[in-house]
Structures are given as structure tokens and as C-alpha cells.
Amino acid sequence: MSEETIFAKILTGEIPSTKVYSDDEFYAFRDVNPAAPTHVLVIPRKPIARVTDATEEDAALLGRLILVANKIARQEGLDKQGFRYVINCGEWGGQTVLHLHLHILGGRPMAWPPG
């Protein structure tokens, strides 16, 4: 990724966020414009623009992304009644920040189809 995204600025602390989880590979924070009572974004520290830009060398990182999201969902108490993971890809997919991120949405019933 050539241009610095808002998420890169959140990772450096240049833009404040409400931290939910942090480790050497991932950072998770509350969405400033939540679409559900619980809305957490999980981002890898490695800058990958879109999920489709991930390579074979990112396979383990993508697997750990889900494991970290599972940990956060349990921590937030979402595992009891259910929740949703969302990864948007590209403009038509609803991706507004070109840094791979996983949304954890919960705290209310989710409708289908989603959009």
C-alpha cells in the first residue's frame, strides 16, 4: 500500500481509538460509527489493502485473524447469542479503507440478506 490509511494512523497512535485488543500482529478497536451495539474492527498490523491482495505467505496470518476475532467475540459476550463477521472487498463490496479489516458485529439480531 503506497498511501497511509486512517488505520495506519490508528496503529501509530496518530489518531486515537478505543482499543479492544492488541498483540504483535493485530489491533482491534471500536468502530466510531457502529452498525450494531457491538461493532469492533480487527486489523492486521501488516498493511494488506484488500483481502484479495493476501498471498500464500499470508495464509497463517488470515487464520490467526479469525482466531483473534473469536477471542474478541467471546470477550465481548457475543458467543452466547451469535454475531456476524464481515470483510468487505473493494468499492462495490463496501470497503472504504484500503487496509484489510474484519468487522465483528453483534448485540442484536442480524437480518439476511445483509445488503
PDB file of N, CA and C in Angstrom:
ATOM      1  N   MET A   1       0.859  -1.173   0.000  1.00  0.00           N
ATOM      2  CA  MET A   1       0.000   0.000   0.000  1.00  0.00           C
ATOM      3  C   MET A   1       0.898   1.226   0.000  1.00  0.00           C
ATOM      4  N   SER A   2       0.647   2.113  -0.922  1.00  0.00           N
ATOM      5  CA  SER A   2       1.521   3.266  -1.030  1.00  0.00           C
ATOM      6  C   SER A   2       1.043   4.443  -0.181  1.00  0.00           C
ATOM      7  N   GLU A   3      -0.274   4.620  -0.029  1.00  0.00           N
ATOM      8  CA  GLU A   3      -0.708   5.765   0.763  1.00  0.00           C
ATOM      9  C   GLU A   3      -1.102   5.319   2.165  1.00  0.00           C
ATOM     10  N   GLU A   4      -0.822   6.181   3.124  1.00  0.00           N
ATOM     11  CA  GLU A   4      -1.104   5.868   4.515  1.00  0.00           C
ATOM     12  C   GLU A   4      -2.599   6.002   4.781  1.00  0.00           C
ATOM     13  N   THR A   5      -3.186   4.971   5.341  1.00  0.00           N
ATOM     14  CA  THR A   5      -4.620   4.966   5.615  1.00  0.00           C
ATOM     15  C   THR A   5      -4.903   5.438   7.033  1.00  0.00           C
ATOM     16  N   ILE A   6      -6.166   5.673   7.307  1.00  0.00           N
ATOM     17  CA  ILE A   6      -6.583   6.029   8.657  1.00  0.00           C
ATOM     18  C   ILE A   6      -6.209   4.912   9.634  1.00  0.00           C
ATOM     19  N   PHE A   7      -6.273   3.663   9.185  1.00  0.00           N
ATOM     20  CA  PHE A   7      -5.916   2.555  10.072  1.00  0.00           C
ATOM     21  C   PHE A   7      -4.420   2.554  10.387  1.00  0.00           C
ATOM     22  N   ALA A   8      -3.587   2.917   9.420  1.00  0.00           N
ATOM     23  CA  ALA A   8      -2.152   3.036   9.688  1.00  0.00           C
ATOM     24  C   ALA A   8      -1.915   4.112  10.742  1.00  0.00           C
ATOM     25  N   LYS A   9      -2.677   5.198  10.665  1.00  0.00           N
ATOM     26  CA  LYS A   9      -2.543   6.275  11.653  1.00  0.00           C
ATOM     27  C   LYS A   9      -3.069   5.851  13.021  1.00  0.00           C
ATOM     28  N   ILE A  10      -4.078   5.002  13.047  1.00  0.00           N
ATOM     29  CA  ILE A  10      -4.558   4.446  14.321  1.00  0.00           C
ATOM     30  C   ILE A  10      -3.487   3.543  14.919  1.00  0.00           C
ATOM     31  N   LEU A  11      -2.841   2.721  14.090  1.00  0.00           N
ATOM     32  CA  LEU A  11      -1.792   1.827  14.583  1.00  0.00           C
ATOM     33  C   LEU A  11      -0.617   2.580  15.191  1.00  0.00           C
ATOM     34  N   THR A  12      -0.291   3.745  14.640  1.00  0.00           N
ATOM     35  CA  THR A  12       0.839   4.525  15.176  1.00  0.00           C
ATOM     36  C   THR A  12       0.420   5.411  16.342  1.00  0.00           C
ATOM     37  N   GLY A  13      -0.878   5.508  16.605  1.00  0.00           N
ATOM     38  CA  GLY A  13      -1.360   6.365  17.684  1.00  0.00           C
ATOM     39  C   GLY A  13      -1.599   7.794  17.258  1.00  0.00           C
ATOM     40  N   GLU A  14      -1.375   8.086  15.978  1.00  0.00           N
ATOM     41  CA  GLU A  14      -1.592   9.435  15.455  1.00  0.00           C
ATOM     42  C   GLU A  14      -3.077   9.815  15.536  1.00  0.00           C
ATOM     43  N   ILE A  15      -3.943   8.828  15.345  1.00  0.00           N
ATOM     44  CA  ILE A  15      -5.389   9.005  15.501  1.00  0.00           C
ATOM     45  C   ILE A  15      -5.817   8.129  16.674  1.00  0.00           C
ATOM     46  N   PRO A  16      -6.535   8.695  17.650  1.00  0.00           N
ATOM     47  CA  PRO A  16      -6.940   7.886  18.810  1.00  0.00           C
ATOM     48  C   PRO A  16      -8.022   6.873  18.452  1.00  0.00           C
ATOM     49  N   SER A  17      -8.072   5.806  19.239  1.00  0.00           N
ATOM     50  CA  SER A  17      -9.086   4.772  19.070  1.00  0.00           C
ATOM     51  C   SER A  17      -9.371   4.155  20.433  1.00  0.00           C
ATOM     52  N   THR A  18     -10.483   3.446  20.512  1.00  0.00           N
ATOM     53  CA  THR A  18     -10.825   2.735  21.738  1.00  0.00           C
ATOM     54  C   THR A  18     -10.390   1.281  21.562  1.00  0.00           C
ATOM     55  N   LYS A  19      -9.249   0.953  22.150  1.00  0.00           N
ATOM     56  CA  LYS A  19      -8.646  -0.373  21.993  1.00  0.00           C
ATOM     57  C   LYS A  19      -9.503  -1.439  22.669  1.00  0.00           C
ATOM     58  N   VAL A  20      -9.666  -2.541  21.961  1.00  0.00           N
ATOM     59  CA  VAL A  20     -10.348  -3.719  22.485  1.00  0.00           C
ATOM     60  C   VAL A  20      -9.336  -4.854  22.669  1.00  0.00           C
ATOM     61  N   TYR A  21      -8.337  -4.909  21.771  1.00  0.00           N
ATOM     62  CA  TYR A  21      -7.364  -5.999  21.778  1.00  0.00           C
ATOM     63  C   TYR A  21      -6.119  -5.525  21.038  1.00  0.00           C
ATOM     64  N   SER A  22      -4.972  -6.021  21.477  1.00  0.00           N
ATOM     65  CA  SER A  22      -3.727  -5.699  20.782  1.00  0.00           C
ATOM     66  C   SER A  22      -2.707  -6.804  21.035  1.00  0.00           C
ATOM     67  N   ASP A  23      -1.987  -7.178  19.982  1.00  0.00           N
ATOM     68  CA  ASP A  23      -0.840  -8.069  20.109  1.00  0.00           C
ATOM     69  C   ASP A  23       0.161  -7.692  19.017  1.00  0.00           C
ATOM     70  N   ASP A  24       1.157  -8.505  18.801  1.00  0.00           N
ATOM     71  CA  ASP A  24       2.200  -8.182  17.824  1.00  0.00           C
ATOM     72  C   ASP A  24       1.707  -8.168  16.380  1.00  0.00           C
ATOM     73  N   GLU A  25       0.611  -8.883  16.091  1.00  0.00           N
ATOM     74  CA  GLU A  25       0.121  -8.996  14.720  1.00  0.00           C
ATOM     75  C   GLU A  25      -1.162  -8.232  14.433  1.00  0.00           C
ATOM     76  N   PHE A  26      -1.976  -7.996  15.466  1.00  0.00           N
ATOM     77  CA  PHE A  26      -3.308  -7.434  15.256  1.00  0.00           C
ATOM     78  C   PHE A  26      -3.634  -6.340  16.260  1.00  0.00           C
ATOM     79  N   TYR A  27      -4.533  -5.479  15.849  1.00  0.00           N
ATOM     80  CA  TYR A  27      -5.066  -4.445  16.727  1.00  0.00           C
ATOM     81  C   TYR A  27      -6.567  -4.404  16.486  1.00  0.00           C
ATOM     82  N   ALA A  28      -7.347  -4.324  17.553  1.00  0.00           N
ATOM     83  CA  ALA A  28      -8.805  -4.269  17.430  1.00  0.00           C
ATOM     84  C   ALA A  28      -9.317  -3.073  18.217  1.00  0.00           C
ATOM     85  N   PHE A  29     -10.313  -2.408  17.654  1.00  0.00           N
ATOM     86  CA  PHE A  29     -10.850  -1.197  18.265  1.00  0.00           C
ATOM     87  C   PHE A  29     -12.323  -1.050  17.919  1.00  0.00           C
ATOM     88  N   ARG A  30     -13.017  -0.237  18.690  1.00  0.00           N
ATOM     89  CA  ARG A  30     -14.441   0.004  18.465  1.00  0.00           C
ATOM     90  C   ARG A  30     -14.630   0.930  17.266  1.00  0.00           C
ATOM     91  N   ASP A  31     -15.591   0.591  16.419  1.00  0.00           N
ATOM     92  CA  ASP A  31     -15.919   1.419  15.255  1.00  0.00           C
ATOM     93  C   ASP A  31     -16.526   2.731  15.742  1.00  0.00           C
ATOM     94  N   VAL A  32     -16.093   3.855  15.178  1.00  0.00           N
ATOM     95  CA  VAL A  32     -16.614   5.168  15.598  1.00  0.00           C
ATOM     96  C   VAL A  32     -18.017   5.422  15.071  1.00  0.00           C
ATOM     97  N   ASN A  33     -18.447   4.631  14.086  1.00  0.00           N
ATOM     98  CA  ASN A  33     -19.795   4.745  13.537  1.00  0.00           C
ATOM     99  C   ASN A  33     -20.419   3.345  13.543  1.00  0.00           C
ATOM    100  N   PRO A  34     -20.762   2.837  14.730  1.00  0.00           N
ATOM    101  CA  PRO A  34     -21.179   1.437  14.832  1.00  0.00           C
ATOM    102  C   PRO A  34     -22.476   1.118  14.104  1.00  0.00           C
ATOM    103  N   ALA A  35     -22.487  -0.064  13.484  1.00  0.00           N
ATOM    104  CA  ALA A  35     -23.664  -0.568  12.778  1.00  0.00           C
ATOM    105  C   ALA A  35     -24.434  -1.568  13.639  1.00  0.00           C
ATOM    106  N   ALA A  36     -23.977  -1.789  14.864  1.00  0.00           N
ATOM    107  CA  ALA A  36     -24.621  -2.699  15.809  1.00  0.00           C
ATOM    108  C   ALA A  36     -24.183  -2.264  17.209  1.00  0.00           C
ATOM    109  N   PRO A  37     -24.881  -2.715  18.249  1.00  0.00           N
ATOM    110  CA  PRO A  37     -24.477  -2.354  19.612  1.00  0.00           C
ATOM    111  C   PRO A  37     -23.012  -2.686  19.907  1.00  0.00           C
ATOM    112  N   THR A  38     -22.532  -3.807  19.394  1.00  0.00           N
ATOM    113  CA  THR A  38     -21.102  -4.126  19.448  1.00  0.00           C
ATOM    114  C   THR A  38     -20.589  -4.136  18.026  1.00  0.00           C
ATOM    115  N   HIS A  39     -19.606  -3.287  17.755  1.00  0.00           N
ATOM    116  CA  HIS A  39     -19.008  -3.215  16.414  1.00  0.00           C
ATOM    117  C   HIS A  39     -17.517  -2.960  16.608  1.00  0.00           C
ATOM    118  N   VAL A  40     -16.749  -4.015  16.422  1.00  0.00           N
ATOM    119  CA  VAL A  40     -15.297  -3.970  16.612  1.00  0.00           C
ATOM    120  C   VAL A  40     -14.629  -4.250  15.276  1.00  0.00           C
ATOM    121  N   LEU A  41     -13.568  -3.515  14.978  1.00  0.00           N
ATOM    122  CA  LEU A  41     -12.753  -3.750  13.788  1.00  0.00           C
ATOM    123  C   LEU A  41     -11.449  -4.412  14.208  1.00  0.00           C
ATOM    124  N   VAL A  42     -11.074  -5.471  13.520  1.00  0.00           N
ATOM    125  CA  VAL A  42      -9.810  -6.156  13.765  1.00  0.00           C
ATOM    126  C   VAL A  42      -8.946  -5.959  12.535  1.00  0.00           C
ATOM    127  N   ILE A  43      -7.761  -5.383  12.731  1.00  0.00           N
ATOM    128  CA  ILE A  43      -6.873  -5.116  11.603  1.00  0.00           C
ATOM    129  C   ILE A  43      -5.510  -5.764  11.837  1.00  0.00           C
ATOM    130  N   PRO A  44      -4.930  -6.316  10.782  1.00  0.00           N
ATOM    131  CA  PRO A  44      -3.560  -6.795  10.919  1.00  0.00           C
ATOM    132  C   PRO A  44      -2.606  -5.601  10.920  1.00  0.00           C
ATOM    133  N   ARG A  45      -1.529  -5.736  11.644  1.00  0.00           N
ATOM    134  CA  ARG A  45      -0.507  -4.675  11.616  1.00  0.00           C
ATOM    135  C   ARG A  45       0.198  -4.648  10.255  1.00  0.00           C
ATOM    136  N   LYS A  46       0.243  -5.796   9.590  1.00  0.00           N
ATOM    137  CA  LYS A  46       0.798  -5.856   8.238  1.00  0.00           C
ATOM    138  C   LYS A  46      -0.183  -5.175   7.294  1.00  0.00           C
ATOM    139  N   PRO A  47       0.281  -4.210   6.521  1.00  0.00           N
ATOM    140  CA  PRO A  47      -0.630  -3.496   5.617  1.00  0.00           C
ATOM    141  C   PRO A  47      -0.953  -4.303   4.356  1.00  0.00           C
ATOM    142  N   ILE A  48      -2.141  -4.870   4.339  1.00  0.00           N
ATOM    143  CA  ILE A  48      -2.678  -5.570   3.166  1.00  0.00           C
ATOM    144  C   ILE A  48      -3.901  -4.763   2.755  1.00  0.00           C
ATOM    145  N   ALA A  49      -3.937  -4.257   1.530  1.00  0.00           N
ATOM    146  CA  ALA A  49      -5.017  -3.356   1.117  1.00  0.00           C
ATOM    147  C   ALA A  49      -6.379  -4.046   1.100  1.00  0.00           C
ATOM    148  N   ARG A  50      -6.486  -5.165   0.401  1.00  0.00           N
ATOM    149  CA  ARG A  50      -7.755  -5.886   0.263  1.00  0.00           C
ATOM    150  C   ARG A  50      -7.513  -7.354   0.601  1.00  0.00           C
ATOM    151  N   VAL A  51      -8.558  -8.031   0.994  1.00  0.00           N
ATOM    152  CA  VAL A  51      -8.420  -9.456   1.286  1.00  0.00           C
ATOM    153  C   VAL A  51      -7.908 -10.194   0.047  1.00  0.00           C
ATOM    154  N   THR A  52      -8.258  -9.726  -1.136  1.00  0.00           N
ATOM    155  CA  THR A  52      -7.797 -10.370  -2.368  1.00  0.00           C
ATOM    156  C   THR A  52      -6.322 -10.107  -2.650  1.00  0.00           C
ATOM    157  N   ASP A  53      -5.701  -9.203  -1.908  1.00  0.00           N
ATOM    158  CA  ASP A  53      -4.267  -8.951  -2.047  1.00  0.00           C
ATOM    159  C   ASP A  53      -3.433  -9.877  -1.167  1.00  0.00           C
ATOM    160  N   ALA A  54      -4.080 -10.654  -0.306  1.00  0.00           N
ATOM    161  CA  ALA A  54      -3.353 -11.602   0.532  1.00  0.00           C
ATOM    162  C   ALA A  54      -2.725 -12.672  -0.359  1.00  0.00           C
ATOM    163  N   THR A  55      -1.564 -13.123   0.050  1.00  0.00           N
ATOM    164  CA  THR A  55      -0.827 -14.135  -0.714  1.00  0.00           C
ATOM    165  C   THR A  55      -0.723 -15.416   0.106  1.00  0.00           C
ATOM    166  N   GLU A  56      -0.125 -16.433  -0.493  1.00  0.00           N
ATOM    167  CA  GLU A  56       0.105 -17.703   0.210  1.00  0.00           C
ATOM    168  C   GLU A  56       0.868 -17.458   1.509  1.00  0.00           C
ATOM    169  N   GLU A  57       1.796 -16.514   1.495  1.00  0.00           N
ATOM    170  CA  GLU A  57       2.568 -16.250   2.719  1.00  0.00           C
ATOM    171  C   GLU A  57       1.703 -15.624   3.821  1.00  0.00           C
ATOM    172  N   ASP A  58       0.527 -15.153   3.488  1.00  0.00           N
ATOM    173  CA  ASP A  58      -0.393 -14.568   4.473  1.00  0.00           C
ATOM    174  C   ASP A  58      -1.392 -15.579   5.029  1.00  0.00           C
ATOM    175  N   ALA A  59      -1.318 -16.834   4.593  1.00  0.00           N
ATOM    176  CA  ALA A  59      -2.310 -17.835   4.996  1.00  0.00           C
ATOM    177  C   ALA A  59      -2.399 -17.975   6.517  1.00  0.00           C
ATOM    178  N   ALA A  60      -1.277 -18.069   7.190  1.00  0.00           N
ATOM    179  CA  ALA A  60      -1.297 -18.222   8.648  1.00  0.00           C
ATOM    180  C   ALA A  60      -1.843 -16.958   9.318  1.00  0.00           C
ATOM    181  N   LEU A  61      -1.489 -15.806   8.794  1.00  0.00           N
ATOM    182  CA  LEU A  61      -1.994 -14.544   9.339  1.00  0.00           C
ATOM    183  C   LEU A  61      -3.519 -14.478   9.216  1.00  0.00           C
ATOM    184  N   LEU A  62      -4.060 -14.902   8.079  1.00  0.00           N
ATOM    185  CA  LEU A  62      -5.511 -14.894   7.886  1.00  0.00           C
ATOM    186  C   LEU A  62      -6.202 -15.853   8.842  1.00  0.00           C
ATOM    187  N   GLY A  63      -5.590 -17.002   9.076  1.00  0.00           N
ATOM    188  CA  GLY A  63      -6.149 -17.940  10.049  1.00  0.00           C
ATOM    189  C   GLY A  63      -6.143 -17.359  11.450  1.00  0.00           C
ATOM    190  N   ARG A  64      -5.053 -16.715  11.823  1.00  0.00           N
ATOM    191  CA  ARG A  64      -4.966 -16.093  13.154  1.00  0.00           C
ATOM    192  C   ARG A  64      -5.937 -14.919  13.280  1.00  0.00           C
ATOM    193  N   LEU A  65      -6.232 -14.243  12.166  1.00  0.00           N
ATOM    194  CA  LEU A  65      -7.219 -13.162  12.193  1.00  0.00           C
ATOM    195  C   LEU A  65      -8.554 -13.687  12.726  1.00  0.00           C
ATOM    196  N   ILE A  66      -8.981 -14.835  12.235  1.00  0.00           N
ATOM    197  CA  ILE A  66     -10.235 -15.439  12.697  1.00  0.00           C
ATOM    198  C   ILE A  66     -10.126 -15.849  14.167  1.00  0.00           C
ATOM    199  N   LEU A  67      -9.004 -16.422  14.567  1.00  0.00           N
ATOM    200  CA  LEU A  67      -8.832 -16.836  15.963  1.00  0.00           C
ATOM    201  C   LEU A  67      -8.862 -15.638  16.908  1.00  0.00           C
ATOM    202  N   VAL A  68      -8.232 -14.543  16.508  1.00  0.00           N
ATOM    203  CA  VAL A  68      -8.270 -13.320  17.322  1.00  0.00           C
ATOM    204  C   VAL A  68      -9.702 -12.787  17.386  1.00  0.00           C
ATOM    205  N   ALA A  69     -10.392 -12.791  16.254  1.00  0.00           N
ATOM    206  CA  ALA A  69     -11.784 -12.335  16.239  1.00  0.00           C
ATOM    207  C   ALA A  69     -12.648 -13.208  17.150  1.00  0.00           C
ATOM    208  N   ASN A  70     -12.417 -14.518  17.156  1.00  0.00           N
ATOM    209  CA  ASN A  70     -13.152 -15.411  18.049  1.00  0.00           C
ATOM    210  C   ASN A  70     -12.907 -15.042  19.514  1.00  0.00           C
ATOM    211  N   LYS A  71     -11.657 -14.766  19.839  1.00  0.00           N
ATOM    212  CA  LYS A  71     -11.303 -14.381  21.207  1.00  0.00           C
ATOM    213  C   LYS A  71     -12.045 -13.101  21.605  1.00  0.00           C
ATOM    214  N   ILE A  72     -12.068 -12.133  20.708  1.00  0.00           N
ATOM    215  CA  ILE A  72     -12.741 -10.858  20.986  1.00  0.00           C
ATOM    216  C   ILE A  72     -14.250 -11.067  21.111  1.00  0.00           C
ATOM    217  N   ALA A  73     -14.834 -11.874  20.230  1.00  0.00           N
ATOM    218  CA  ALA A  73     -16.273 -12.146  20.297  1.00  0.00           C
ATOM    219  C   ALA A  73     -16.634 -12.753  21.654  1.00  0.00           C
ATOM    220  N   ARG A  74     -15.828 -13.690  22.137  1.00  0.00           N
ATOM    221  CA  ARG A  74     -16.074 -14.271  23.465  1.00  0.00           C
ATOM    222  C   ARG A  74     -15.904 -13.218  24.554  1.00  0.00           C
ATOM    223  N   GLN A  75     -14.842 -12.430  24.446  1.00  0.00           N
ATOM    224  CA  GLN A  75     -14.558 -11.365  25.422  1.00  0.00           C
ATOM    225  C   GLN A  75     -15.720 -10.376  25.508  1.00  0.00           C
ATOM    226  N   GLU A  76     -16.357 -10.098  24.368  1.00  0.00           N
ATOM    227  CA  GLU A  76     -17.474  -9.157  24.302  1.00  0.00           C
ATOM    228  C   GLU A  76     -18.813  -9.811  24.652  1.00  0.00           C
ATOM    229  N   GLY A  77     -18.808 -11.126  24.906  1.00  0.00           N
ATOM    230  CA  GLY A  77     -20.021 -11.846  25.264  1.00  0.00           C
ATOM    231  C   GLY A  77     -20.948 -12.120  24.090  1.00  0.00           C
ATOM    232  N   LEU A  78     -20.411 -12.057  22.880  1.00  0.00           N
ATOM    233  CA  LEU A  78     -21.231 -12.252  21.686  1.00  0.00           C
ATOM    234  C   LEU A  78     -21.457 -13.721  21.348  1.00  0.00           C
ATOM    235  N   ASP A  79     -20.624 -14.592  21.876  1.00  0.00           N
ATOM    236  CA  ASP A  79     -20.710 -16.010  21.526  1.00  0.00           C
ATOM    237  C   ASP A  79     -21.968 -16.682  22.076  1.00  0.00           C
ATOM    238  N   LYS A  80     -22.619 -16.063  23.022  1.00  0.00           N
ATOM    239  CA  LYS A  80     -23.816 -16.667  23.628  1.00  0.00           C
ATOM    240  C   LYS A  80     -25.000 -16.682  22.662  1.00  0.00           C
ATOM    241  N   GLN A  81     -25.295 -15.551  22.018  1.00  0.00           N
ATOM    242  CA  GLN A  81     -26.470 -15.457  21.152  1.00  0.00           C
ATOM    243  C   GLN A  81     -26.137 -15.392  19.673  1.00  0.00           C
ATOM    244  N   GLY A  82     -24.891 -15.125  19.344  1.00  0.00           N
ATOM    245  CA  GLY A  82     -24.487 -15.077  17.948  1.00  0.00           C
ATOM    246  C   GLY A  82     -24.026 -13.699  17.526  1.00  0.00           C
ATOM    247  N   PHE A  83     -23.362 -13.662  16.401  1.00  0.00           N
ATOM    248  CA  PHE A  83     -22.758 -12.435  15.894  1.00  0.00           C
ATOM    249  C   PHE A  83     -22.425 -12.640  14.424  1.00  0.00           C
ATOM    250  N   ARG A  84     -21.866 -11.628  13.810  1.00  0.00           N
ATOM    251  CA  ARG A  84     -21.507 -11.707  12.395  1.00  0.00           C
ATOM    252  C   ARG A  84     -20.091 -11.167  12.191  1.00  0.00           C
ATOM    253  N   TYR A  85     -19.339 -11.840  11.302  1.00  0.00           N
ATOM    254  CA  TYR A  85     -18.065 -11.323  10.800  1.00  0.00           C
ATOM    255  C   TYR A  85     -18.313 -10.804   9.395  1.00  0.00           C
ATOM    256  N   VAL A  86     -17.684  -9.672   9.063  1.00  0.00           N
ATOM    257  CA  VAL A  86     -17.783  -9.114   7.716  1.00  0.00           C
ATOM    258  C   VAL A  86     -16.399  -8.663   7.285  1.00  0.00           C
ATOM    259  N   ILE A  87     -16.017  -9.044   6.070  1.00  0.00           N
ATOM    260  CA  ILE A  87     -14.829  -8.491   5.418  1.00  0.00           C
ATOM    261  C   ILE A  87     -15.307  -7.947   4.085  1.00  0.00           C
ATOM    262  N   ASN A  88     -15.260  -6.646   3.926  1.00  0.00           N
ATOM    263  CA  ASN A  88     -15.638  -6.012   2.663  1.00  0.00           C
ATOM    264  C   ASN A  88     -14.419  -5.984   1.749  1.00  0.00           C
ATOM    265  N   CYS A  89     -14.664  -6.066   0.437  1.00  0.00           N
ATOM    266  CA  CYS A  89     -13.559  -6.051  -0.514  1.00  0.00           C
ATOM    267  C   CYS A  89     -13.911  -5.156  -1.693  1.00  0.00           C
ATOM    268  N   GLY A  90     -13.163  -4.082  -1.834  1.00  0.00           N
ATOM    269  CA  GLY A  90     -13.339  -3.172  -2.952  1.00  0.00           C
ATOM    270  C   GLY A  90     -14.537  -2.252  -2.799  1.00  0.00           C
ATOM    271  N   GLU A  91     -14.627  -1.308  -3.705  1.00  0.00           N
ATOM    272  CA  GLU A  91     -15.661  -0.277  -3.654  1.00  0.00           C
ATOM    273  C   GLU A  91     -17.066  -0.867  -3.649  1.00  0.00           C
ATOM    274  N   TRP A  92     -17.348  -1.776  -4.549  1.00  0.00           N
ATOM    275  CA  TRP A  92     -18.697  -2.356  -4.632  1.00  0.00           C
ATOM    276  C   TRP A  92     -18.986  -3.271  -3.452  1.00  0.00           C
ATOM    277  N   GLY A  93     -17.952  -3.755  -2.802  1.00  0.00           N
ATOM    278  CA  GLY A  93     -18.123  -4.586  -1.623  1.00  0.00           C
ATOM    279  C   GLY A  93     -18.295  -3.773  -0.352  1.00  0.00           C
ATOM    280  N   GLY A  94     -18.197  -2.457  -0.471  1.00  0.00           N
ATOM    281  CA  GLY A  94     -18.385  -1.591   0.685  1.00  0.00           C
ATOM    282  C   GLY A  94     -17.112  -1.255   1.440  1.00  0.00           C
ATOM    283  N   GLN A  95     -15.951  -1.588   0.890  1.00  0.00           N
ATOM    284  CA  GLN A  95     -14.691  -1.286   1.569  1.00  0.00           C
ATOM    285  C   GLN A  95     -14.362   0.189   1.389  1.00  0.00           C
ATOM    286  N   THR A  96     -14.233   0.913   2.501  1.00  0.00           N
ATOM    287  CA  THR A  96     -13.940   2.346   2.441  1.00  0.00           C
ATOM    288  C   THR A  96     -12.517   2.674   2.877  1.00  0.00           C
ATOM    289  N   VAL A  97     -11.839   1.742   3.552  1.00  0.00           N
ATOM    290  CA  VAL A  97     -10.448   1.930   3.955  1.00  0.00           C
ATOM    291  C   VAL A  97      -9.633   0.809   3.336  1.00  0.00           C
ATOM    292  N   LEU A  98      -8.625   1.168   2.561  1.00  0.00           N
ATOM    293  CA  LEU A  98      -7.800   0.162   1.885  1.00  0.00           C
ATOM    294  C   LEU A  98      -6.736  -0.387   2.830  1.00  0.00           C
ATOM    295  N   HIS A  99      -7.207  -1.082   3.845  1.00  0.00           N
ATOM    296  CA  HIS A  99      -6.389  -1.842   4.791  1.00  0.00           C
ATOM    297  C   HIS A  99      -7.306  -2.965   5.255  1.00  0.00           C
ATOM    298  N   LEU A 100      -6.929  -4.200   4.983  1.00  0.00           N
ATOM    299  CA  LEU A 100      -7.741  -5.345   5.352  1.00  0.00           C
ATOM    300  C   LEU A 100      -8.244  -5.199   6.776  1.00  0.00           C
ATOM    301  N   HIS A 101      -9.540  -5.398   6.965  1.00  0.00           N
ATOM    302  CA  HIS A 101     -10.116  -5.373   8.304  1.00  0.00           C
ATOM    303  C   HIS A 101     -11.341  -6.263   8.373  1.00  0.00           C
ATOM    304  N   LEU A 102     -11.544  -6.827   9.547  1.00  0.00           N
ATOM    305  CA  LEU A 102     -12.673  -7.704   9.805  1.00  0.00           C
ATOM    306  C   LEU A 102     -13.586  -7.002  10.810  1.00  0.00           C
ATOM    307  N   HIS A 103     -14.859  -6.888  10.462  1.00  0.00           N
ATOM    308  CA  HIS A 103     -15.853  -6.311  11.361  1.00  0.00           C
ATOM    309  C   HIS A 103     -16.439  -7.431  12.221  1.00  0.00           C
ATOM    310  N   ILE A 104     -16.559  -7.201  13.508  1.00  0.00           N
ATOM    311  CA  ILE A 104     -17.312  -8.077  14.403  1.00  0.00           C
ATOM    312  C   ILE A 104     -18.556  -7.287  14.792  1.00  0.00           C
ATOM    313  N   LEU A 105     -19.718  -7.811  14.423  1.00  0.00           N
ATOM    314  CA  LEU A 105     -20.990  -7.137  14.683  1.00  0.00           C
ATOM    315  C   LEU A 105     -21.859  -8.026  15.549  1.00  0.00           C
ATOM    316  N   GLY A 106     -22.420  -7.468  16.612  1.00  0.00           N
ATOM    317  CA  GLY A 106     -23.287  -8.259  17.471  1.00  0.00           C
ATOM    318  C   GLY A 106     -24.075  -7.388  18.435  1.00  0.00           C
ATOM    319  N   GLY A 107     -24.792  -8.057  19.310  1.00  0.00           N
ATOM    320  CA  GLY A 107     -25.589  -7.355  20.297  1.00  0.00           C
ATOM    321  C   GLY A 107     -27.023  -7.116  19.863  1.00  0.00           C
ATOM    322  N   ARG A 108     -27.387  -7.623  18.683  1.00  0.00           N
ATOM    323  CA  ARG A 108     -28.752  -7.544  18.170  1.00  0.00           C
ATOM    324  C   ARG A 108     -28.924  -8.611  17.101  1.00  0.00           C
ATOM    325  N   PRO A 109     -30.173  -8.981  16.792  1.00  0.00           N
ATOM    326  CA  PRO A 109     -30.373  -9.940  15.702  1.00  0.00           C
ATOM    327  C   PRO A 109     -29.896  -9.341  14.359  1.00  0.00           C
ATOM    328  N   MET A 110     -29.291 -10.169  13.548  1.00  0.00           N
ATOM    329  CA  MET A 110     -28.815  -9.762  12.235  1.00  0.00           C
ATOM    330  C   MET A 110     -29.817 -10.222  11.178  1.00  0.00           C
ATOM    331  N   ALA A 111     -30.108  -9.369  10.215  1.00  0.00           N
ATOM    332  CA  ALA A 111     -31.049  -9.694   9.138  1.00  0.00           C
ATOM    333  C   ALA A 111     -30.302 -10.350   7.971  1.00  0.00           C
ATOM    334  N   TRP A 112     -31.053 -11.036   7.115  1.00  0.00           N
ATOM    335  CA  TRP A 112     -30.488 -11.599   5.892  1.00  0.00           C
ATOM    336  C   TRP A 112     -31.471 -11.366   4.763  1.00  0.00           C
ATOM    337  N   PRO A 113     -31.092 -10.944   3.597  1.00  0.00           N
ATOM    338  CA  PRO A 113     -29.713 -10.676   3.205  1.00  0.00           C
ATOM    339  C   PRO A 113     -29.205  -9.382   3.838  1.00  0.00           C
ATOM    340  N   PRO A 114     -27.877  -9.283   3.971  1.00  0.00           N
ATOM    341  CA  PRO A 114     -27.312  -8.147   4.693  1.00  0.00           C
ATOM    342  C   PRO A 114     -27.315  -6.828   3.951  1.00  0.00           C
ATOM    343  N   GLY A 115     -27.362  -6.802   2.622  1.00  0.00           N
ATOM    344  CA  GLY A 115     -27.257  -5.503   1.985  1.00  0.00           C
ATOM    345  C   GLY A 115     -27.760  -5.450   0.597  1.00  0.00           C
TER     346      GLY A 115
END
